Every structure is written in structure tokens, then in C-alpha cells.
Amino acid sequence: MATAIRAIPTLYGETARTFESEATLTEQNPGTEDYRHEAQVVADYLKTCTAL
């Protein structure tokens, strides 16, 4: 018999507090990563790919 999987995981205790504090920090200080170079590398690869 299969075990039901909960659709929304629930965090409790210290795990929940850690998650909440890290989420708050991330909201206040969003990343400044620039992925344009990586995107260009992927685009160039896809242009040369013969499978497409």
C-alpha cells in the first residue's frame, strides 16, 4: 500500500526558524548575480547543436 505524500511540506521548530530567517534575509538583500554570460554560452551552443 502506498504512503500518501503531503502536497505542502510543513517545517517545525528550529528548522522553521532557520528557514524563515534566511528567507527574510534573501528578501531584503536579493542576489545581484548576472547570468547573461552563461545564457549567451547556452544560446551559442544551441545554435551549433545539430540535434535541433
N, C-alpha and C. Protein backbone atom coordinates (compact mmCIF):
# COMPACT_ATOMS: atom_id res chain seq x y z
N MET A 1 0.84 -1.17 0.00
CA MET A 1 0.00 0.00 0.00
C MET A 1 0.89 1.24 0.00
N ALA A 2 0.55 2.21 -0.82
CA ALA A 2 1.36 3.41 -0.95
C ALA A 2 1.10 4.38 0.19
N THR A 3 2.13 5.13 0.53
CA THR A 3 2.01 6.17 1.55
C THR A 3 1.67 7.49 0.88
N ALA A 4 0.68 8.17 1.40
CA ALA A 4 0.29 9.46 0.82
C ALA A 4 1.39 10.49 1.03
N ILE A 5 1.63 11.31 0.02
CA ILE A 5 2.62 12.37 0.09
C ILE A 5 1.88 13.68 0.31
N ARG A 6 2.31 14.43 1.29
CA ARG A 6 1.68 15.71 1.57
C ARG A 6 2.03 16.70 0.47
N ALA A 7 1.07 17.47 0.04
CA ALA A 7 1.27 18.43 -1.03
C ALA A 7 2.13 19.60 -0.58
N ILE A 8 2.00 20.02 0.68
CA ILE A 8 2.75 21.15 1.20
C ILE A 8 3.54 20.69 2.42
N PRO A 9 4.87 20.66 2.32
CA PRO A 9 5.65 20.25 3.48
C PRO A 9 5.55 21.31 4.59
N THR A 10 5.58 20.88 5.82
CA THR A 10 5.48 21.78 6.96
C THR A 10 6.75 21.67 7.79
N LEU A 11 7.33 22.83 8.09
CA LEU A 11 8.54 22.86 8.90
C LEU A 11 8.17 23.23 10.33
N TYR A 12 8.89 22.66 11.29
CA TYR A 12 8.64 22.91 12.70
C TYR A 12 9.94 23.23 13.41
N GLY A 13 9.83 23.91 14.54
CA GLY A 13 10.96 24.11 15.44
C GLY A 13 12.09 24.93 14.84
N GLU A 14 13.30 24.50 15.15
CA GLU A 14 14.50 25.23 14.72
C GLU A 14 14.62 25.29 13.21
N THR A 15 14.22 24.24 12.52
CA THR A 15 14.25 24.23 11.06
C THR A 15 13.37 25.33 10.49
N ALA A 16 12.19 25.50 11.05
CA ALA A 16 11.28 26.54 10.59
C ALA A 16 11.85 27.93 10.87
N ARG A 17 12.44 28.13 12.05
CA ARG A 17 13.02 29.43 12.38
C ARG A 17 14.19 29.75 11.47
N THR A 18 15.04 28.78 11.18
CA THR A 18 16.17 28.99 10.30
C THR A 18 15.70 29.33 8.89
N PHE A 19 14.74 28.60 8.40
CA PHE A 19 14.20 28.86 7.07
C PHE A 19 13.62 30.26 6.98
N GLU A 20 12.84 30.65 7.98
CA GLU A 20 12.20 31.97 7.99
C GLU A 20 13.24 33.08 8.03
N SER A 21 14.28 32.94 8.84
CA SER A 21 15.29 34.00 8.92
C SER A 21 16.09 34.10 7.62
N GLU A 22 16.42 32.97 7.00
CA GLU A 22 17.14 33.01 5.73
C GLU A 22 16.26 33.57 4.61
N ALA A 23 14.97 33.25 4.62
CA ALA A 23 14.06 33.80 3.62
C ALA A 23 13.94 35.31 3.77
N THR A 24 13.87 35.79 5.00
CA THR A 24 13.78 37.22 5.25
C THR A 24 15.03 37.94 4.77
N LEU A 25 16.20 37.37 5.05
CA LEU A 25 17.45 37.97 4.58
C LEU A 25 17.52 38.02 3.06
N THR A 26 17.06 36.97 2.42
CA THR A 26 17.07 36.92 0.97
C THR A 26 16.12 37.95 0.38
N GLU A 27 14.97 38.14 0.99
CA GLU A 27 14.02 39.15 0.52
C GLU A 27 14.60 40.55 0.66
N GLN A 28 15.32 40.80 1.75
CA GLN A 28 15.88 42.12 2.00
C GLN A 28 17.10 42.39 1.13
N ASN A 29 17.85 41.37 0.78
CA ASN A 29 19.07 41.51 0.01
C ASN A 29 19.05 40.57 -1.19
N PRO A 30 18.26 40.89 -2.21
CA PRO A 30 18.20 39.98 -3.36
C PRO A 30 19.56 39.87 -4.04
N GLY A 31 19.77 38.75 -4.66
CA GLY A 31 21.05 38.50 -5.32
C GLY A 31 21.29 39.46 -6.47
N THR A 32 22.55 39.69 -6.74
CA THR A 32 22.92 40.58 -7.84
C THR A 32 23.67 39.82 -8.92
N GLU A 33 23.43 38.54 -8.99
CA GLU A 33 24.11 37.72 -9.98
C GLU A 33 23.66 38.10 -11.39
N ASP A 34 24.61 38.12 -12.29
CA ASP A 34 24.32 38.43 -13.69
C ASP A 34 24.58 37.17 -14.50
N TYR A 35 23.53 36.58 -15.02
CA TYR A 35 23.64 35.32 -15.74
C TYR A 35 23.64 35.50 -17.26
N ARG A 36 23.84 36.73 -17.74
CA ARG A 36 23.79 36.96 -19.18
C ARG A 36 24.91 36.21 -19.91
N HIS A 37 26.09 36.12 -19.32
CA HIS A 37 27.19 35.40 -19.98
C HIS A 37 26.85 33.92 -20.12
N GLU A 38 26.37 33.31 -19.04
CA GLU A 38 26.01 31.90 -19.09
C GLU A 38 24.89 31.66 -20.09
N ALA A 39 23.92 32.57 -20.15
CA ALA A 39 22.83 32.44 -21.11
C ALA A 39 23.35 32.52 -22.54
N GLN A 40 24.32 33.38 -22.77
CA GLN A 40 24.89 33.51 -24.11
C GLN A 40 25.66 32.24 -24.50
N VAL A 41 26.37 31.65 -23.56
CA VAL A 41 27.09 30.40 -23.82
C VAL A 41 26.10 29.31 -24.22
N VAL A 42 25.00 29.20 -23.49
CA VAL A 42 23.99 28.19 -23.81
C VAL A 42 23.37 28.47 -25.17
N ALA A 43 23.07 29.73 -25.47
CA ALA A 43 22.47 30.09 -26.76
C ALA A 43 23.42 29.76 -27.90
N ASP A 44 24.71 30.06 -27.72
CA ASP A 44 25.69 29.73 -28.76
C ASP A 44 25.79 28.23 -28.98
N TYR A 45 25.75 27.47 -27.89
CA TYR A 45 25.80 26.02 -28.00
C TYR A 45 24.59 25.50 -28.76
N LEU A 46 23.41 26.00 -28.42
CA LEU A 46 22.20 25.54 -29.07
C LEU A 46 22.18 25.88 -30.57
N LYS A 47 22.82 26.98 -30.93
CA LYS A 47 22.89 27.34 -32.35
C LYS A 47 23.74 26.34 -33.13
N THR A 48 24.78 25.79 -32.48
CA THR A 48 25.67 24.86 -33.16
C THR A 48 25.22 23.42 -33.02
N CYS A 49 24.24 23.17 -32.18
CA CYS A 49 23.76 21.82 -31.95
C CYS A 49 23.01 21.32 -33.18
N THR A 50 23.37 20.15 -33.66
CA THR A 50 22.72 19.61 -34.85
C THR A 50 21.45 18.83 -34.52
N ALA A 51 21.19 18.62 -33.23
CA ALA A 51 20.01 17.83 -32.85
C ALA A 51 18.73 18.65 -32.92
N LEU A 52 18.85 19.96 -33.04
CA LEU A 52 17.62 20.77 -33.05
C LEU A 52 17.09 20.95 -34.43
